[in-house]
Amino acid sequence: MEHYDLVVIGSGPAGQKAAIAAAKLGKRAAVVERRDMVGGVCINTGTIPSKTLREAVLYLTGLNERELYGQSYRVKSDITVTDLSARTTHVVAKEIDVIRNQLERNNVPMYSGSAHFVGPKEIAIDATDGDVKTIGADNVVIATGTRPARPSTVDFDGETIVDSDQVLSLRKLPKSAVVVGAGVIGIEYASIFAALGTKVTVIEQRDRLLPFCDREIIDALLYQLRDRGVTFRFSEMVETVERHESGTLTVLKSGKQIPADTVLYSAGRQGMTDRLDLAAAGLDADKRGRLTVNDDFQTDVSHIYAVGDVIGFPALAATSMEQGRRAAYHAFGEPTGVTDMVHQPIGIYSIPEISFVGKTEDELTAENVPFEVGVARYRELARGAIMGDSYGLLKLLVHAKTRRLLGVHVFGTNAAELVHIGQTVMGLDGTIDYLVQAVFNYPTLAEGYKVAALDAVNKMRAVARVTGDAEVHELGSD
């Protein structure tokens, strides 16, 4: 029986980084993955294909250019599924090749098949050809990811009633669609469909959209989506989804009936742990298939770690990568360094894009933290005018006394890229004065940081003039 210092179950972002980190430490590592899922959910059905689809839609619809060239502007008048899938297929294949190459050059073998525990340190691999192989491991990292949660009352057929994995395999673009669930995935796909001209209705049982986001940012997103014809039904629950020859009918508990060509169910995710035979390793998952871990990502069995989406929030590819690295380092007694786990950015790839790091206004208000707001609007930036983005904005939340940066919220083009400047300042415990004094390339969207910082400083100065507060520092002082 082959024996390894570390065996990783799953080859997604978390699993890749765990295996490679172990290899870089001179340890013998291996990865187990199903033959058709190299790269995990992230590469095959999640992050990469959905974000590539988004880019294809933005390009082919010409959506970002319409302010400059008119609302009728399109790169291609009749967009088909083939047009969209061509780009996605190319990118996915390229990413899979990159992953295989990374593992090979670090001497990390990949076993093809489904893994399950036969003991705390023994893993059986069921290959696609029926062969079963058992390998041993001193340490194990579970990085199996998640799959869409499917209500038993909904009859998914993969064509008219689909989950977030199946939506990528639609044979034709729907003229109308119902999206059940206004979480991150649901809103991303709702905005993509709307950009394609699909009439979209979003059903959400909560009374607001993405409650963990800044209200002003969400209000801006709602305005843009409604302007594109999206209808929102908040505080509503689905009673049944009926499939008919002419399409689907979604019946709400309130009695409303919504016809559509397609229904996309985006009702959360389920951890893929049901086939691992966790009991054989002394472990148990919760009802959503998720595993509980400590700060070092150890499960209740100390040599078995769990990372990525299978442990729940924040369930992001970026955070999963860092979790995988830290788990491998901890397993072999390697210092992990001080990681800023508080200032982790969130990216929502809707159209338009949202990204933020740190606190929201509601959170700071609830915590009785005195703060000031600085805003830069894309329409006031030369780069925003050049790009044709008149709705974007960058918002800074600043402590009114210490001048520390408490939160950064960006809405619009390249939001997920821009947020990292603020993240760095926050991670270094920086103040608003740095952004005021810094020189940014012109014309850029990053220049918005200086504009927003000046806006916040001017507001604080206005307060100081009224109160005569001697504790309010002047610009440039410590």
Protein backbone atom coordinates (compact mmCIF):
# COMPACT_ATOMS: atom_id res chain seq x y z
CA MET A 1 0.00 0.00 0.00
CA GLU A 2 1.32 3.42 -1.00
CA HIS A 3 1.77 5.74 1.96
CA TYR A 4 1.90 9.55 1.95
CA ASP A 5 2.64 12.31 4.41
CA LEU A 6 -0.50 14.06 3.17
CA VAL A 7 -3.46 12.92 1.08
CA VAL A 8 -5.85 15.57 -0.21
CA ILE A 9 -9.37 14.60 -1.22
CA GLY A 10 -10.45 17.10 -3.87
CA SER A 11 -8.47 19.16 -6.39
CA GLY A 12 -10.27 22.50 -6.16
CA PRO A 13 -8.53 25.70 -5.03
CA ALA A 14 -8.23 24.53 -1.40
CA GLY A 15 -7.02 21.04 -2.28
CA GLN A 16 -4.51 22.22 -4.87
CA LYS A 17 -2.84 24.67 -2.51
CA ALA A 18 -2.74 22.17 0.36
CA ALA A 19 -1.02 19.52 -1.77
CA ILE A 20 1.46 21.92 -3.35
CA ALA A 21 2.26 23.56 0.00
CA ALA A 22 3.11 20.13 1.42
CA ALA A 23 5.26 19.32 -1.62
CA LYS A 24 7.15 22.61 -1.24
CA LEU A 25 7.92 21.58 2.35
CA GLY A 26 9.54 18.41 1.02
CA LYS A 27 6.66 16.14 2.01
CA ARG A 28 5.14 13.31 0.01
CA ALA A 29 1.66 14.40 -1.03
CA ALA A 30 -1.10 13.00 -3.26
CA VAL A 31 -4.49 14.17 -4.52
CA VAL A 32 -7.62 12.11 -5.13
CA GLU A 33 -10.17 13.45 -7.60
CA ARG A 34 -12.90 12.16 -9.88
CA ARG A 35 -11.72 11.92 -13.48
CA ASP A 36 -14.23 14.49 -14.79
CA MET A 37 -13.72 17.00 -11.96
CA VAL A 38 -10.05 17.98 -12.07
CA GLY A 39 -9.93 21.45 -10.55
CA GLY A 40 -13.08 20.78 -8.55
CA VAL A 41 -16.36 22.65 -8.70
CA CYS A 42 -14.49 25.96 -9.05
CA ILE A 43 -13.06 25.02 -12.45
CA ASN A 44 -15.83 22.83 -13.85
CA THR A 45 -19.21 24.19 -12.76
CA GLY A 46 -18.61 27.15 -10.47
CA THR A 47 -16.34 30.17 -10.38
CA ILE A 48 -14.38 29.84 -13.63
CA PRO A 49 -17.18 28.89 -16.07
CA SER A 50 -19.70 31.33 -14.56
CA LYS A 51 -17.25 34.24 -14.60
CA THR A 52 -16.11 33.36 -18.12
CA LEU A 53 -19.77 33.27 -19.18
CA ARG A 54 -20.16 36.73 -17.67
CA GLU A 55 -17.22 38.09 -19.68
CA ALA A 56 -18.61 36.55 -22.87
CA VAL A 57 -22.00 38.15 -22.23
CA LEU A 58 -20.45 41.57 -21.55
CA TYR A 59 -18.44 41.38 -24.77
CA LEU A 60 -21.09 39.99 -27.12
CA THR A 61 -23.92 42.22 -25.87
CA GLY A 62 -21.71 45.33 -25.94
CA LEU A 63 -23.36 46.31 -22.66
CA ASN A 64 -20.39 48.29 -21.35
CA GLU A 65 -20.16 50.37 -24.53
CA ARG A 66 -23.78 51.46 -24.82
CA GLU A 67 -23.39 54.73 -22.98
CA LEU A 68 -20.89 55.78 -25.63
CA TYR A 69 -22.41 54.19 -28.73
CA GLY A 70 -26.14 54.08 -27.91
CA GLN A 71 -28.53 51.56 -26.36
CA SER A 72 -28.86 49.63 -29.62
CA TYR A 73 -25.14 48.82 -29.77
CA ARG A 74 -24.30 45.09 -29.84
CA VAL A 75 -21.28 43.14 -31.01
CA LYS A 76 -23.54 40.28 -32.14
CA SER A 77 -27.26 40.68 -32.70
CA ASP A 78 -28.26 37.02 -32.30
CA ILE A 79 -26.30 35.50 -29.42
CA THR A 80 -26.53 31.71 -29.07
CA VAL A 81 -25.50 29.21 -26.41
CA THR A 82 -22.68 28.12 -28.73
CA ASP A 83 -21.30 31.67 -28.76
CA LEU A 84 -21.19 31.71 -24.98
CA SER A 85 -19.96 28.16 -24.39
CA ALA A 86 -17.03 28.44 -26.82
CA ARG A 87 -15.18 30.86 -24.55
CA THR A 88 -16.09 28.92 -21.41
CA THR A 89 -14.87 25.60 -22.84
CA HIS A 90 -11.55 27.15 -23.86
CA VAL A 91 -10.88 28.74 -20.47
CA VAL A 92 -11.89 25.64 -18.46
CA ALA A 93 -9.64 23.39 -20.56
CA LYS A 94 -6.73 25.79 -20.12
CA GLU A 95 -7.19 25.99 -16.34
CA ILE A 96 -7.36 22.19 -16.02
CA ASP A 97 -4.09 21.95 -17.94
CA VAL A 98 -2.49 24.50 -15.60
CA ILE A 99 -3.58 22.50 -12.53
CA ARG A 100 -2.27 19.22 -13.91
CA ASN A 101 1.04 20.88 -14.78
CA GLN A 102 1.40 22.41 -11.31
CA LEU A 103 0.82 19.07 -9.61
CA GLU A 104 3.16 17.20 -11.96
CA ARG A 105 6.08 19.58 -11.60
CA ASN A 106 5.74 19.38 -7.82
CA ASN A 107 5.69 15.56 -7.99
CA VAL A 108 2.17 15.28 -6.61
CA PRO A 109 0.37 12.26 -8.13
CA MET A 110 -3.36 12.48 -8.79
CA TYR A 111 -5.46 9.37 -8.26
CA SER A 112 -8.60 9.25 -10.42
CA GLY A 113 -11.68 8.02 -8.63
CA SER A 114 -14.00 8.54 -5.68
CA ALA A 115 -12.42 8.43 -2.22
CA HIS A 116 -13.80 7.18 1.06
CA PHE A 117 -12.32 6.40 4.44
CA VAL A 118 -11.73 2.81 5.54
CA GLY A 119 -9.94 4.00 8.66
CA PRO A 120 -8.62 7.23 10.19
CA LYS A 121 -5.43 6.94 8.11
CA GLU A 122 -6.56 4.75 5.21
CA ILE A 123 -8.42 5.90 2.10
CA ALA A 124 -9.97 3.67 -0.54
CA ILE A 125 -10.21 4.96 -4.12
CA ASP A 126 -12.94 3.58 -6.37
CA ALA A 127 -11.64 4.02 -9.91
CA THR A 128 -13.95 4.44 -12.90
CA ASP A 129 -12.84 1.03 -14.25
CA GLY A 130 -14.10 -0.72 -11.12
CA ASP A 131 -10.69 -1.16 -9.54
CA VAL A 132 -10.30 -0.28 -5.85
CA LYS A 133 -7.00 0.95 -4.45
CA THR A 134 -6.18 1.78 -0.84
CA ILE A 135 -3.57 4.33 0.20
CA GLY A 136 -2.33 5.41 3.62
CA ALA A 137 -1.78 8.90 4.96
CA ASP A 138 -0.28 10.44 8.08
CA ASN A 139 -2.44 13.50 7.45
CA VAL A 140 -5.60 14.04 5.39
CA VAL A 141 -7.14 17.21 3.99
CA ILE A 142 -10.80 17.03 3.01
CA ALA A 143 -11.47 19.57 0.25
CA THR A 144 -14.45 18.04 -1.51
CA GLY A 145 -16.40 21.26 -1.98
CA THR A 146 -20.16 21.51 -2.36
CA ARG A 147 -22.99 20.88 -4.80
CA PRO A 148 -26.27 22.78 -5.28
CA ALA A 149 -28.86 22.01 -2.62
CA ARG A 150 -31.97 20.54 -4.25
CA PRO A 151 -35.39 20.68 -2.56
CA SER A 152 -37.05 17.27 -2.80
CA THR A 153 -40.29 18.94 -3.87
CA VAL A 154 -38.77 20.33 -7.08
CA ASP A 155 -38.57 18.13 -10.19
CA PHE A 156 -35.27 19.15 -11.80
CA ASP A 157 -34.96 18.10 -15.42
CA GLY A 158 -31.79 19.96 -16.45
CA GLU A 159 -33.60 21.82 -19.23
CA THR A 160 -36.53 23.87 -17.93
CA ILE A 161 -35.95 23.50 -14.17
CA VAL A 162 -32.25 23.68 -13.37
CA ASP A 163 -29.80 24.21 -10.53
CA SER A 164 -26.72 26.45 -10.68
CA ASP A 165 -24.58 23.64 -12.13
CA GLN A 166 -27.05 22.72 -14.86
CA VAL A 167 -27.64 26.31 -16.00
CA LEU A 168 -24.30 26.18 -17.81
CA SER A 169 -25.62 23.34 -19.99
CA LEU A 170 -28.83 24.97 -21.24
CA ARG A 171 -29.45 24.20 -24.90
CA LYS A 172 -30.96 27.59 -25.69
CA LEU A 173 -31.17 30.99 -24.09
CA PRO A 174 -34.52 31.51 -22.34
CA LYS A 175 -36.69 34.49 -23.21
CA SER A 176 -37.97 34.52 -19.63
CA ALA A 177 -36.57 33.07 -16.42
CA VAL A 178 -37.42 32.78 -12.73
CA VAL A 179 -34.50 32.77 -10.31
CA VAL A 180 -35.37 31.30 -6.91
CA GLY A 181 -32.96 32.62 -4.29
CA ALA A 182 -31.26 36.01 -4.31
CA GLY A 183 -27.95 34.90 -2.86
CA VAL A 184 -24.63 35.57 -4.57
CA ILE A 185 -25.04 32.85 -7.21
CA GLY A 186 -28.68 33.69 -7.90
CA ILE A 187 -27.98 37.39 -8.38
CA GLU A 188 -24.97 36.74 -10.59
CA TYR A 189 -27.02 34.58 -12.96
CA ALA A 190 -30.05 36.89 -12.79
CA SER A 191 -27.88 39.80 -13.93
CA ILE A 192 -26.29 37.71 -16.69
CA PHE A 193 -29.70 36.66 -18.04
CA ALA A 194 -30.93 40.27 -17.85
CA ALA A 195 -27.89 41.46 -19.84
CA LEU A 196 -28.84 38.94 -22.56
CA GLY A 197 -32.34 40.43 -22.76
CA THR A 198 -34.10 37.69 -20.80
CA LYS A 199 -37.12 38.81 -18.75
CA VAL A 200 -36.07 37.85 -15.22
CA THR A 201 -38.08 37.50 -12.00
CA VAL A 202 -36.13 36.98 -8.77
CA ILE A 203 -37.89 35.37 -5.80
CA GLU A 204 -36.36 35.81 -2.35
CA GLN A 205 -37.86 34.86 1.01
CA ARG A 206 -35.88 37.57 2.83
CA ASP A 207 -36.98 41.20 2.72
CA ARG A 208 -33.80 42.52 1.14
CA LEU A 209 -31.00 41.60 -1.20
CA LEU A 210 -27.61 40.35 0.06
CA PRO A 211 -27.99 41.62 3.66
CA PHE A 212 -24.26 41.33 4.37
CA CYS A 213 -23.53 44.05 1.80
CA ASP A 214 -23.67 47.83 2.22
CA ARG A 215 -27.22 49.13 1.75
CA GLU A 216 -26.21 51.97 -0.58
CA ILE A 217 -24.36 49.54 -2.84
CA ILE A 218 -27.32 47.16 -2.93
CA ASP A 219 -29.69 50.03 -3.70
CA ALA A 220 -27.46 50.92 -6.65
CA LEU A 221 -27.48 47.30 -7.86
CA LEU A 222 -31.27 47.06 -7.53
CA TYR A 223 -31.69 50.23 -9.57
CA GLN A 224 -29.46 48.93 -12.37
CA LEU A 225 -31.15 45.50 -12.48
CA ARG A 226 -34.65 46.96 -12.41
CA ASP A 227 -33.62 49.31 -15.19
CA ARG A 228 -32.84 46.17 -17.23
CA GLY A 229 -36.28 44.75 -16.58
CA VAL A 230 -35.61 42.49 -13.60
CA THR A 231 -38.59 42.05 -11.25
CA PHE A 232 -37.96 41.32 -7.58
CA ARG A 233 -40.40 39.49 -5.32
CA PHE A 234 -39.13 39.85 -1.75
CA SER A 235 -40.61 38.13 1.34
CA GLU A 236 -42.02 35.43 -0.95
CA MET A 237 -41.71 31.64 -0.84
CA VAL A 238 -42.23 29.10 -3.61
CA GLU A 239 -45.12 26.69 -3.17
CA THR A 240 -44.63 24.60 -6.32
CA VAL A 241 -42.91 24.67 -9.68
CA GLU A 242 -44.97 23.14 -12.46
CA ARG A 243 -43.64 22.03 -15.83
CA HIS A 244 -45.90 22.37 -18.86
CA GLU A 245 -45.42 21.91 -22.60
CA SER A 246 -45.22 25.68 -23.11
CA GLY A 247 -42.85 26.29 -20.17
CA THR A 248 -42.92 26.47 -16.39
CA LEU A 249 -45.26 27.98 -13.83
CA THR A 250 -43.88 29.01 -10.44
CA VAL A 251 -46.61 29.25 -7.80
CA LEU A 252 -45.84 31.31 -4.70
CA LYS A 253 -47.35 30.80 -1.25
CA SER A 254 -48.92 34.25 -1.58
CA GLY A 255 -50.89 32.95 -4.55
CA LYS A 256 -48.89 34.68 -7.30
CA GLN A 257 -48.20 32.67 -10.45
CA ILE A 258 -45.16 33.41 -12.60
CA PRO A 259 -44.78 31.79 -16.04
CA ALA A 260 -41.30 31.44 -17.55
CA ASP A 261 -39.29 29.38 -20.03
CA THR A 262 -36.77 28.40 -17.35
CA VAL A 263 -36.56 28.23 -13.56
CA LEU A 264 -33.16 28.43 -11.90
CA TYR A 265 -33.11 27.17 -8.31
CA SER A 266 -30.30 28.69 -6.29
CA ALA A 267 -31.21 27.56 -2.79
CA GLY A 268 -27.82 27.20 -1.13
CA ARG A 269 -25.12 24.53 -1.28
CA GLN A 270 -24.66 21.05 0.19
CA GLY A 271 -21.26 19.75 1.33
CA MET A 272 -20.09 16.73 -0.68
CA THR A 273 -19.25 14.46 2.24
CA ASP A 274 -21.99 11.83 1.96
CA ARG A 275 -19.77 9.36 0.07
CA LEU A 276 -16.67 9.75 2.24
CA ASP A 277 -17.84 7.27 4.92
CA LEU A 278 -16.81 9.78 7.58
CA ALA A 279 -17.79 7.42 10.40
CA ALA A 280 -14.88 5.17 9.49
CA ALA A 281 -12.56 8.09 10.28
CA GLY A 282 -14.40 9.06 13.47
CA LEU A 283 -16.07 12.12 11.93
CA ASP A 284 -19.61 13.38 11.35
CA ALA A 285 -21.03 16.18 9.17
CA ASP A 286 -23.97 18.47 9.86
CA LYS A 287 -27.27 18.27 7.99
CA ARG A 288 -25.83 20.39 5.17
CA GLY A 289 -22.86 18.04 4.78
CA ARG A 290 -20.41 20.53 6.30
CA LEU A 291 -17.53 19.77 8.66
CA THR A 292 -16.62 21.72 11.79
CA VAL A 293 -12.99 22.84 12.20
CA ASN A 294 -10.88 24.87 14.60
CA ASP A 295 -8.77 27.93 13.75
CA ASP A 296 -6.10 25.67 12.21
CA PHE A 297 -8.72 23.84 10.11
CA GLN A 298 -8.42 20.62 12.12
CA THR A 299 -11.53 18.48 12.49
CA ASP A 300 -12.35 16.54 15.66
CA VAL A 301 -9.73 14.02 14.49
CA SER A 302 -6.49 15.99 14.83
CA HIS A 303 -4.66 14.63 11.76
CA ILE A 304 -7.68 15.20 9.48
CA TYR A 305 -8.21 18.73 8.20
CA ALA A 306 -11.09 20.25 6.21
CA VAL A 307 -10.87 23.36 4.03
CA GLY A 308 -12.82 25.25 1.41
CA ASP A 309 -16.55 25.30 0.81
CA VAL A 310 -17.07 22.05 2.75
CA ILE A 311 -16.56 23.99 6.03
CA GLY A 312 -19.05 26.72 5.10
CA PHE A 313 -18.67 30.50 5.18
CA PRO A 314 -17.10 32.35 3.46
CA ALA A 315 -16.93 29.62 0.78
CA LEU A 316 -14.82 31.66 -1.64
CA ALA A 317 -12.10 30.35 -3.93
CA ALA A 318 -9.66 32.97 -2.66
CA THR A 319 -10.14 32.18 1.03
CA SER A 320 -10.17 28.44 0.27
CA MET A 321 -6.68 28.67 -1.23
CA GLU A 322 -5.32 30.26 1.94
CA GLN A 323 -7.11 27.72 4.12
CA GLY A 324 -5.49 24.87 2.18
CA ARG A 325 -2.01 26.36 2.55
CA ARG A 326 -2.46 27.00 6.28
CA ALA A 327 -3.80 23.50 6.90
CA ALA A 328 -0.79 21.89 5.21
CA TYR A 329 1.64 24.13 7.11
CA HIS A 330 -0.01 23.32 10.43
CA ALA A 331 0.05 19.58 9.71
CA PHE A 332 3.84 19.68 9.42
CA GLY A 333 4.58 22.22 12.13
CA GLU A 334 5.47 25.00 9.72
CA PRO A 335 4.78 28.56 10.94
CA THR A 336 1.85 29.98 9.00
CA GLY A 337 2.61 33.61 9.74
CA VAL A 338 0.06 36.19 10.76
CA THR A 339 -2.80 36.13 8.29
CA ASP A 340 -5.34 38.94 8.31
CA MET A 341 -8.47 36.81 8.50
CA VAL A 342 -10.63 39.86 9.27
CA HIS A 343 -9.92 41.88 6.15
CA GLN A 344 -10.92 39.28 3.57
CA PRO A 345 -12.44 40.79 0.42
CA ILE A 346 -15.78 39.65 -0.93
CA GLY A 347 -16.36 39.74 -4.69
CA ILE A 348 -19.80 39.42 -6.28
CA TYR A 349 -19.58 39.11 -10.05
CA SER A 350 -22.98 40.45 -10.88
CA ILE A 351 -23.48 42.92 -13.72
CA PRO A 352 -22.54 45.50 -12.42
CA GLU A 353 -19.83 44.09 -10.15
CA ILE A 354 -19.64 44.46 -6.35
CA SER A 355 -16.69 44.05 -4.00
CA PHE A 356 -16.04 45.07 -0.44
CA VAL A 357 -13.79 44.55 2.56
CA GLY A 358 -14.33 45.50 6.19
CA LYS A 359 -17.39 46.87 7.92
CA THR A 360 -20.65 48.22 6.51
CA GLU A 361 -22.41 51.38 7.69
CA ASP A 362 -25.06 49.30 9.47
CA GLU A 363 -22.44 47.30 11.36
CA LEU A 364 -20.53 50.38 12.49
CA THR A 365 -23.74 52.10 13.57
CA ALA A 366 -24.81 49.04 15.59
CA GLU A 367 -21.37 49.00 17.24
CA ASN A 368 -21.57 52.75 18.07
CA VAL A 369 -18.39 53.46 16.13
CA PRO A 370 -18.11 57.11 15.01
CA PHE A 371 -17.33 57.16 11.29
CA GLU A 372 -17.36 59.38 8.25
CA VAL A 373 -18.09 58.44 4.65
CA GLY A 374 -16.05 59.40 1.60
CA VAL A 375 -17.43 58.73 -1.88
CA ALA A 376 -15.96 58.89 -5.38
CA ARG A 377 -18.33 58.41 -8.32
CA TYR A 378 -17.04 56.97 -11.56
CA ARG A 379 -18.79 59.68 -13.56
CA GLU A 380 -16.52 62.24 -11.87
CA LEU A 381 -13.36 60.30 -12.78
CA ALA A 382 -11.82 60.75 -16.21
CA ARG A 383 -11.33 56.99 -16.52
CA GLY A 384 -15.00 56.42 -15.77
CA ALA A 385 -15.97 58.75 -18.61
CA ILE A 386 -13.54 57.03 -20.99
CA MET A 387 -14.98 53.62 -20.11
CA GLY A 388 -18.58 54.76 -20.26
CA ASP A 389 -19.34 53.78 -16.65
CA SER A 390 -21.46 56.56 -15.14
CA TYR A 391 -23.07 54.56 -12.32
CA GLY A 392 -20.03 53.12 -10.49
CA LEU A 393 -18.88 54.36 -7.10
CA LEU A 394 -16.16 53.79 -4.53
CA LYS A 395 -17.07 54.32 -0.88
CA LEU A 396 -14.73 54.58 2.12
CA LEU A 397 -15.76 54.31 5.76
CA VAL A 398 -13.32 56.13 8.04
CA HIS A 399 -13.11 56.27 11.84
CA ALA A 400 -13.97 59.86 12.78
CA LYS A 401 -11.34 60.03 15.54
CA THR A 402 -8.44 57.74 14.60
CA ARG A 403 -8.84 58.26 10.83
CA ARG A 404 -8.34 54.51 10.32
CA LEU A 405 -9.94 52.93 7.24
CA LEU A 406 -12.80 50.70 8.46
CA GLY A 407 -14.46 49.61 5.23
CA VAL A 408 -14.18 49.83 1.44
CA HIS A 409 -17.20 49.25 -0.82
CA VAL A 410 -16.98 49.36 -4.61
CA PHE A 411 -19.75 49.12 -7.20
CA GLY A 412 -19.11 49.08 -10.93
CA THR A 413 -16.41 48.16 -13.43
CA ASN A 414 -13.37 46.35 -11.95
CA ALA A 415 -14.77 46.50 -8.41
CA ALA A 416 -13.11 43.20 -7.44
CA GLU A 417 -9.73 44.55 -8.60
CA LEU A 418 -10.03 47.99 -6.99
CA VAL A 419 -10.93 46.73 -3.52
CA HIS A 420 -7.43 45.35 -2.91
CA ILE A 421 -5.91 48.83 -2.54
CA GLY A 422 -8.16 49.53 0.41
CA GLN A 423 -7.64 46.01 1.74
CA THR A 424 -3.88 46.62 1.86
CA VAL A 425 -4.26 49.92 3.70
CA MET A 426 -6.58 48.28 6.23
CA GLY A 427 -4.29 45.28 6.68
CA LEU A 428 -1.42 47.64 7.54
CA ASP A 429 -3.68 49.59 9.93
CA GLY A 430 -3.35 52.65 7.71
CA THR A 431 -5.17 55.94 7.90
CA ILE A 432 -7.08 58.01 5.38
CA ASP A 433 -4.10 60.37 5.26
CA TYR A 434 -2.10 57.86 3.23
CA LEU A 435 -4.73 57.85 0.49
CA VAL A 436 -4.93 61.65 0.50
CA GLN A 437 -1.17 62.01 0.08
CA ALA A 438 -0.65 59.13 -2.38
CA VAL A 439 -0.26 59.81 -6.10
CA PHE A 440 -2.35 57.56 -8.35
CA ASN A 441 -1.93 57.12 -12.09
CA TYR A 442 -4.23 59.35 -14.14
CA PRO A 443 -6.64 58.55 -15.66
CA THR A 444 -7.50 55.45 -13.60
CA LEU A 445 -10.36 54.19 -11.48
CA ALA A 446 -7.86 53.79 -8.62
CA GLU A 447 -7.71 57.58 -8.49
CA GLY A 448 -11.12 57.27 -6.87
CA TYR A 449 -9.40 56.37 -3.61
CA LYS A 450 -7.85 59.83 -3.43
CA VAL A 451 -11.13 61.52 -4.36
CA ALA A 452 -13.08 59.54 -1.75
CA ALA A 453 -10.39 60.11 0.88
CA LEU A 454 -10.49 63.87 0.29
CA ASP A 455 -14.27 63.77 0.53
CA ALA A 456 -14.07 62.07 3.95
CA VAL A 457 -11.35 64.43 5.21
CA ASN A 458 -13.32 67.51 4.16
CA LYS A 459 -16.37 66.24 6.04
CA MET A 460 -14.29 65.64 9.17
CA ARG A 461 -12.81 69.13 8.89
CA ALA A 462 -16.30 70.62 8.64
CA VAL A 463 -17.26 68.90 11.89
CA ALA A 464 -14.04 70.06 13.57
CA ARG A 465 -14.72 73.67 12.59
CA VAL A 466 -18.11 73.53 14.26
CA THR A 467 -17.06 71.66 17.41
CA GLY A 468 -13.58 73.12 17.74
CA ASP A 469 -12.42 69.58 18.49
CA ALA A 470 -8.69 69.77 19.08
CA GLU A 471 -8.38 65.97 18.85
CA VAL A 472 -9.17 65.97 15.15
CA HIS A 473 -5.77 65.64 13.51
CA GLU A 474 -4.74 67.87 10.67
CA LEU A 475 -3.85 66.29 7.37
CA GLY A 476 -0.43 64.67 7.38
CA SER A 477 -0.06 64.48 11.16
CA ASP A 478 0.23 61.25 13.08
